[in-house]
Amino acid sequence: MSVSAQSLNDVQLNLLKLFSRKMSETEQAEINEILLKYYDNLLQKEVQHAINHKGYTKEDFENVLNNSQRTK
């Protein structure tokens, strides 16, 4: 799949330059883990923000879980 440089943002272009060298499988796995942790952290912050904004409680989540298990 060919991607033009015009469709990439500055971060993507810099990452391509940074990772243009050969890497071992271990290095690739470590970089993947770093990126996964980064995006997991962003997701957790967004979920927490939504929970706080909506005012959901632990009981709300337990009710949803209990109700969905009854319908199965």
Protein backbone atom coordinates (compact mmCIF):
# COMPACT_ATOMS: atom_id res chain seq x y z
CA MET A 1 0.00 0.00 0.00
CA SER A 2 1.51 3.29 -1.05
CA VAL A 3 0.91 6.37 1.07
CA SER A 4 1.82 9.79 -0.17
CA ALA A 5 3.81 12.10 2.10
CA GLN A 6 1.02 14.65 1.73
CA SER A 7 -1.44 12.40 3.58
CA LEU A 8 0.86 12.01 6.59
CA ASN A 9 1.04 14.49 9.44
CA ASP A 10 4.29 15.82 10.91
CA VAL A 11 4.40 13.23 13.70
CA GLN A 12 3.96 10.38 11.24
CA LEU A 13 6.69 11.73 8.98
CA ASN A 14 9.08 12.13 11.92
CA LEU A 15 8.36 8.58 13.08
CA LEU A 16 9.07 7.25 9.60
CA LYS A 17 12.42 9.04 9.60
CA LEU A 18 13.23 7.85 13.10
CA PHE A 19 12.38 4.22 12.36
CA SER A 20 13.84 4.01 8.87
CA ARG A 21 16.70 1.85 10.14
CA LYS A 22 16.60 -1.91 10.64
CA MET A 23 15.28 -3.03 14.01
CA SER A 24 15.28 -6.33 15.79
CA GLU A 25 12.02 -8.05 16.63
CA THR A 26 12.65 -7.17 20.28
CA GLU A 27 12.97 -3.48 19.44
CA GLN A 28 9.80 -3.61 17.37
CA ALA A 29 7.92 -5.31 20.20
CA GLU A 30 9.16 -2.73 22.71
CA ILE A 31 8.08 0.16 20.47
CA ASN A 32 4.67 -1.46 19.96
CA GLU A 33 4.31 -1.83 23.73
CA ILE A 34 5.20 1.84 24.27
CA LEU A 35 2.63 2.94 21.70
CA LEU A 36 -0.04 0.63 23.12
CA LYS A 37 0.54 1.99 26.63
CA TYR A 38 0.38 5.56 25.32
CA TYR A 39 -2.94 5.02 23.54
CA ASP A 40 -4.34 2.98 26.43
CA ASN A 41 -3.56 5.92 28.72
CA LEU A 42 -5.36 8.32 26.37
CA LEU A 43 -8.36 5.99 26.21
CA GLN A 44 -8.51 5.60 29.99
CA LYS A 45 -8.46 9.39 30.43
CA GLU A 46 -11.27 9.79 27.90
CA VAL A 47 -13.37 7.07 29.53
CA GLN A 48 -12.83 8.60 32.98
CA HIS A 49 -13.79 12.01 31.62
CA ALA A 50 -17.01 10.57 30.15
CA ILE A 51 -17.83 8.77 33.41
CA ASN A 52 -17.29 11.96 35.42
CA HIS A 53 -19.20 14.11 32.90
CA LYS A 54 -22.19 11.74 32.89
CA GLY A 55 -22.02 11.19 36.65
CA TYR A 56 -21.96 7.40 36.39
CA THR A 57 -21.33 5.44 39.58
CA LYS A 58 -20.06 1.94 40.31
CA GLU A 59 -23.67 0.95 40.97
CA ASP A 60 -24.68 2.13 37.50
CA PHE A 61 -22.11 -0.19 35.92
CA GLU A 62 -23.13 -3.08 38.17
CA ASN A 63 -26.78 -2.57 37.20
CA VAL A 64 -25.89 -2.65 33.50
CA LEU A 65 -23.84 -5.82 33.98
CA ASN A 66 -26.56 -7.53 36.00
CA ASN A 67 -29.30 -6.57 33.54
CA SER A 68 -27.35 -7.74 30.49
CA GLN A 69 -26.61 -11.10 32.13
CA ARG A 70 -30.32 -11.67 32.81
CA THR A 71 -31.21 -11.23 29.15
CA LYS A 72 -28.81 -13.93 27.97
